[in-house]
Amino acid sequence: MNDKQFRVLLNRCERLLERYYDADGIDVDAANAIAGALRKLIGVAEKQQETIERYERALKQIATWSPSLGGSFVNSVKAFQQTAIEALEGEK
């Protein structure tokens, strides 16, 4: 879900909440729609948490990387880049 879709979902939740609280009685349809939208939001949050954890693991792996002694700067940078790529791809 991209940012625009996420904002649309949040706006929908806000409208549903307004509809629910503006109703004279309990609006079952609005309550069910709110529950469905909240489930979607929770799914997005869980996916974002998984991505954050993947990046944290990759950063820890990259942080422990050290250049080879006696190697050229260019080779060291390439080795670092390769380590970063492998760390991120390995966590998918």
N, C-alpha and C. Protein backbone atom coordinates (compact mmCIF):
# COMPACT_ATOMS: atom_id res chain seq x y z
N MET A 1 0.85 -1.17 0.00
CA MET A 1 0.00 0.00 0.00
C MET A 1 0.90 1.23 0.00
N ASN A 2 0.66 2.11 -0.94
CA ASN A 2 1.47 3.32 -1.00
C ASN A 2 0.87 4.42 -0.11
N ASP A 3 1.57 5.54 -0.04
CA ASP A 3 1.15 6.63 0.84
C ASP A 3 -0.24 7.16 0.50
N LYS A 4 -0.52 7.29 -0.80
CA LYS A 4 -1.81 7.82 -1.22
C LYS A 4 -2.94 6.88 -0.80
N GLN A 5 -2.75 5.59 -1.02
CA GLN A 5 -3.76 4.61 -0.62
C GLN A 5 -3.95 4.61 0.90
N PHE A 6 -2.85 4.76 1.62
CA PHE A 6 -2.92 4.80 3.08
C PHE A 6 -3.72 6.01 3.55
N ARG A 7 -3.46 7.18 2.95
CA ARG A 7 -4.21 8.39 3.32
C ARG A 7 -5.70 8.23 3.00
N VAL A 8 -6.00 7.61 1.86
CA VAL A 8 -7.39 7.37 1.49
C VAL A 8 -8.07 6.49 2.54
N LEU A 9 -7.37 5.44 2.97
CA LEU A 9 -7.92 4.55 3.99
C LEU A 9 -8.14 5.29 5.31
N LEU A 10 -7.18 6.12 5.70
CA LEU A 10 -7.35 6.90 6.94
C LEU A 10 -8.53 7.85 6.83
N ASN A 11 -8.66 8.52 5.68
CA ASN A 11 -9.79 9.43 5.49
C ASN A 11 -11.11 8.67 5.55
N ARG A 12 -11.13 7.48 4.98
CA ARG A 12 -12.34 6.65 5.02
C ARG A 12 -12.68 6.31 6.47
N CYS A 13 -11.67 5.95 7.25
CA CYS A 13 -11.90 5.65 8.67
C CYS A 13 -12.49 6.86 9.39
N GLU A 14 -11.94 8.02 9.13
CA GLU A 14 -12.44 9.24 9.78
C GLU A 14 -13.90 9.49 9.41
N ARG A 15 -14.23 9.35 8.12
CA ARG A 15 -15.62 9.56 7.68
C ARG A 15 -16.56 8.53 8.32
N LEU A 16 -16.10 7.27 8.40
CA LEU A 16 -16.92 6.23 9.02
C LEU A 16 -17.14 6.51 10.50
N LEU A 17 -16.09 6.96 11.18
CA LEU A 17 -16.24 7.30 12.61
C LEU A 17 -17.22 8.45 12.80
N GLU A 18 -17.12 9.47 11.94
CA GLU A 18 -18.06 10.59 12.02
C GLU A 18 -19.49 10.10 11.78
N ARG A 19 -19.64 9.24 10.77
CA ARG A 19 -20.97 8.69 10.47
C ARG A 19 -21.50 7.89 11.66
N TYR A 20 -20.64 7.11 12.26
CA TYR A 20 -21.05 6.27 13.39
C TYR A 20 -21.50 7.12 14.57
N TYR A 21 -20.70 8.14 14.90
CA TYR A 21 -21.03 8.97 16.06
C TYR A 21 -22.15 9.97 15.79
N ASP A 22 -22.40 10.29 14.52
CA ASP A 22 -23.51 11.19 14.19
C ASP A 22 -24.85 10.46 14.15
N ALA A 23 -24.83 9.15 14.07
CA ALA A 23 -26.08 8.39 13.99
C ALA A 23 -26.80 8.44 15.34
N ASP A 24 -28.13 8.39 15.27
CA ASP A 24 -28.94 8.42 16.50
C ASP A 24 -28.81 7.12 17.28
N GLY A 25 -28.67 6.03 16.60
CA GLY A 25 -28.53 4.73 17.27
C GLY A 25 -27.22 4.10 16.83
N ILE A 26 -27.12 2.82 17.09
CA ILE A 26 -25.91 2.11 16.66
C ILE A 26 -26.03 1.79 15.18
N ASP A 27 -25.11 2.28 14.40
CA ASP A 27 -25.07 2.02 12.96
C ASP A 27 -24.18 0.79 12.73
N VAL A 28 -24.82 -0.36 12.60
CA VAL A 28 -24.09 -1.62 12.49
C VAL A 28 -23.23 -1.64 11.23
N ASP A 29 -23.75 -1.11 10.14
CA ASP A 29 -22.98 -1.10 8.89
C ASP A 29 -21.70 -0.27 9.05
N ALA A 30 -21.83 0.88 9.69
CA ALA A 30 -20.66 1.73 9.92
C ALA A 30 -19.67 1.04 10.85
N ALA A 31 -20.18 0.39 11.89
CA ALA A 31 -19.30 -0.31 12.83
C ALA A 31 -18.54 -1.43 12.12
N ASN A 32 -19.22 -2.18 11.27
CA ASN A 32 -18.55 -3.24 10.52
C ASN A 32 -17.52 -2.68 9.55
N ALA A 33 -17.86 -1.57 8.91
CA ALA A 33 -16.92 -0.94 7.98
C ALA A 33 -15.69 -0.41 8.72
N ILE A 34 -15.90 0.14 9.91
CA ILE A 34 -14.79 0.63 10.73
C ILE A 34 -13.89 -0.54 11.11
N ALA A 35 -14.49 -1.64 11.53
CA ALA A 35 -13.70 -2.83 11.90
C ALA A 35 -12.88 -3.32 10.71
N GLY A 36 -13.47 -3.34 9.53
CA GLY A 36 -12.74 -3.78 8.33
C GLY A 36 -11.59 -2.85 8.00
N ALA A 37 -11.83 -1.56 8.10
CA ALA A 37 -10.77 -0.59 7.81
C ALA A 37 -9.64 -0.69 8.84
N LEU A 38 -10.00 -0.90 10.10
CA LEU A 38 -8.98 -1.05 11.14
C LEU A 38 -8.14 -2.31 10.91
N ARG A 39 -8.78 -3.39 10.45
CA ARG A 39 -8.01 -4.60 10.14
C ARG A 39 -6.99 -4.32 9.04
N LYS A 40 -7.40 -3.55 8.03
CA LYS A 40 -6.47 -3.19 6.96
C LYS A 40 -5.32 -2.36 7.50
N LEU A 41 -5.63 -1.40 8.37
CA LEU A 41 -4.58 -0.55 8.95
C LEU A 41 -3.61 -1.38 9.79
N ILE A 42 -4.13 -2.33 10.54
CA ILE A 42 -3.26 -3.20 11.34
C ILE A 42 -2.36 -4.02 10.42
N GLY A 43 -2.90 -4.50 9.31
CA GLY A 43 -2.09 -5.24 8.34
C GLY A 43 -0.95 -4.39 7.79
N VAL A 44 -1.25 -3.13 7.49
CA VAL A 44 -0.22 -2.22 6.99
C VAL A 44 0.85 -2.00 8.06
N ALA A 45 0.43 -1.79 9.29
CA ALA A 45 1.38 -1.57 10.39
C ALA A 45 2.28 -2.79 10.59
N GLU A 46 1.71 -3.98 10.50
CA GLU A 46 2.51 -5.20 10.66
C GLU A 46 3.53 -5.33 9.54
N LYS A 47 3.12 -5.02 8.31
CA LYS A 47 4.04 -5.09 7.17
C LYS A 47 5.17 -4.07 7.33
N GLN A 48 4.83 -2.87 7.78
CA GLN A 48 5.85 -1.85 8.00
C GLN A 48 6.82 -2.29 9.09
N GLN A 49 6.31 -2.92 10.13
CA GLN A 49 7.17 -3.41 11.21
C GLN A 49 8.13 -4.47 10.69
N GLU A 50 7.64 -5.36 9.83
CA GLU A 50 8.50 -6.39 9.24
C GLU A 50 9.62 -5.74 8.42
N THR A 51 9.27 -4.71 7.65
CA THR A 51 10.26 -4.01 6.83
C THR A 51 11.29 -3.33 7.72
N ILE A 52 10.84 -2.68 8.78
CA ILE A 52 11.76 -2.01 9.71
C ILE A 52 12.71 -3.02 10.33
N GLU A 53 12.18 -4.16 10.75
CA GLU A 53 13.03 -5.19 11.35
C GLU A 53 14.05 -5.73 10.35
N ARG A 54 13.64 -5.88 9.09
CA ARG A 54 14.56 -6.35 8.04
C ARG A 54 15.69 -5.34 7.85
N TYR A 55 15.35 -4.06 7.81
CA TYR A 55 16.39 -3.03 7.66
C TYR A 55 17.30 -2.97 8.89
N GLU A 56 16.73 -3.16 10.07
CA GLU A 56 17.56 -3.17 11.28
C GLU A 56 18.59 -4.30 11.23
N ARG A 57 18.14 -5.49 10.82
CA ARG A 57 19.07 -6.62 10.72
C ARG A 57 20.16 -6.34 9.68
N ALA A 58 19.76 -5.76 8.55
CA ALA A 58 20.73 -5.43 7.50
C ALA A 58 21.72 -4.39 8.00
N LEU A 59 21.23 -3.38 8.71
CA LEU A 59 22.13 -2.34 9.24
C LEU A 59 23.11 -2.91 10.25
N LYS A 60 22.65 -3.84 11.08
CA LYS A 60 23.56 -4.48 12.03
C LYS A 60 24.66 -5.25 11.30
N GLN A 61 24.27 -5.94 10.23
CA GLN A 61 25.26 -6.69 9.46
C GLN A 61 26.24 -5.73 8.79
N ILE A 62 25.73 -4.65 8.24
CA ILE A 62 26.60 -3.67 7.58
C ILE A 62 27.51 -2.98 8.59
N ALA A 63 26.98 -2.72 9.79
CA ALA A 63 27.77 -2.02 10.82
C ALA A 63 28.98 -2.84 11.26
N THR A 64 28.90 -4.14 11.14
CA THR A 64 30.03 -4.98 11.56
C THR A 64 31.01 -5.24 10.43
N TRP A 65 30.74 -4.69 9.26
CA TRP A 65 31.62 -4.85 8.11
C TRP A 65 32.90 -4.07 8.35
N SER A 66 34.02 -4.61 7.90
CA SER A 66 35.28 -3.87 8.00
C SER A 66 36.06 -4.06 6.70
N PRO A 67 36.74 -3.00 6.25
CA PRO A 67 37.49 -3.09 5.00
C PRO A 67 38.69 -4.02 5.15
N SER A 68 39.09 -4.58 4.02
CA SER A 68 40.27 -5.45 4.06
C SER A 68 41.52 -4.59 4.21
N LEU A 69 42.44 -5.07 4.99
CA LEU A 69 43.69 -4.33 5.20
C LEU A 69 44.53 -4.39 3.93
N GLY A 70 45.08 -3.28 3.57
CA GLY A 70 45.95 -3.22 2.40
C GLY A 70 45.21 -3.13 1.08
N GLY A 71 43.88 -3.16 1.11
CA GLY A 71 43.11 -3.07 -0.13
C GLY A 71 42.94 -1.62 -0.54
N SER A 72 42.60 -1.42 -1.80
CA SER A 72 42.38 -0.05 -2.27
C SER A 72 41.04 0.47 -1.76
N PHE A 73 40.92 1.79 -1.75
CA PHE A 73 39.68 2.42 -1.30
C PHE A 73 38.51 2.00 -2.18
N VAL A 74 38.73 1.97 -3.50
CA VAL A 74 37.66 1.59 -4.43
C VAL A 74 37.20 0.17 -4.16
N ASN A 75 38.14 -0.75 -3.96
CA ASN A 75 37.77 -2.13 -3.67
C ASN A 75 37.04 -2.23 -2.34
N SER A 76 37.45 -1.42 -1.36
CA SER A 76 36.77 -1.43 -0.06
C SER A 76 35.34 -0.93 -0.19
N VAL A 77 35.14 0.14 -0.98
CA VAL A 77 33.79 0.67 -1.18
C VAL A 77 32.93 -0.35 -1.91
N LYS A 78 33.49 -1.00 -2.93
CA LYS A 78 32.73 -2.02 -3.66
C LYS A 78 32.37 -3.18 -2.74
N ALA A 79 33.29 -3.57 -1.88
CA ALA A 79 33.03 -4.67 -0.95
C ALA A 79 31.92 -4.27 0.04
N PHE A 80 31.96 -3.01 0.49
CA PHE A 80 30.92 -2.53 1.40
C PHE A 80 29.56 -2.53 0.70
N GLN A 81 29.53 -2.03 -0.53
CA GLN A 81 28.28 -2.00 -1.29
C GLN A 81 27.73 -3.41 -1.46
N GLN A 82 28.61 -4.35 -1.79
CA GLN A 82 28.18 -5.73 -1.96
C GLN A 82 27.63 -6.30 -0.65
N THR A 83 28.29 -5.99 0.45
CA THR A 83 27.81 -6.45 1.76
C THR A 83 26.42 -5.89 2.05
N ALA A 84 26.23 -4.61 1.75
CA ALA A 84 24.92 -3.98 1.98
C ALA A 84 23.84 -4.62 1.12
N ILE A 85 24.15 -4.85 -0.14
CA ILE A 85 23.18 -5.47 -1.05
C ILE A 85 22.82 -6.86 -0.57
N GLU A 86 23.82 -7.64 -0.21
CA GLU A 86 23.57 -9.01 0.26
C GLU A 86 22.76 -9.01 1.55
N ALA A 87 23.04 -8.07 2.42
CA ALA A 87 22.31 -8.00 3.69
C ALA A 87 20.84 -7.70 3.45
N LEU A 88 20.56 -6.76 2.56
CA LEU A 88 19.17 -6.40 2.28
C LEU A 88 18.45 -7.49 1.50
N GLU A 89 19.12 -8.08 0.53
CA GLU A 89 18.48 -9.13 -0.26
C GLU A 89 18.30 -10.41 0.55
N GLY A 90 19.23 -10.67 1.44
CA GLY A 90 19.16 -11.89 2.23
C GLY A 90 18.03 -11.89 3.24
N GLU A 91 17.48 -10.72 3.52
CA GLU A 91 16.42 -10.61 4.52
C GLU A 91 15.03 -10.64 3.91
N LYS A 92 14.93 -10.75 2.60
CA LYS A 92 13.61 -10.75 1.95
C LYS A 92 12.85 -12.00 2.27
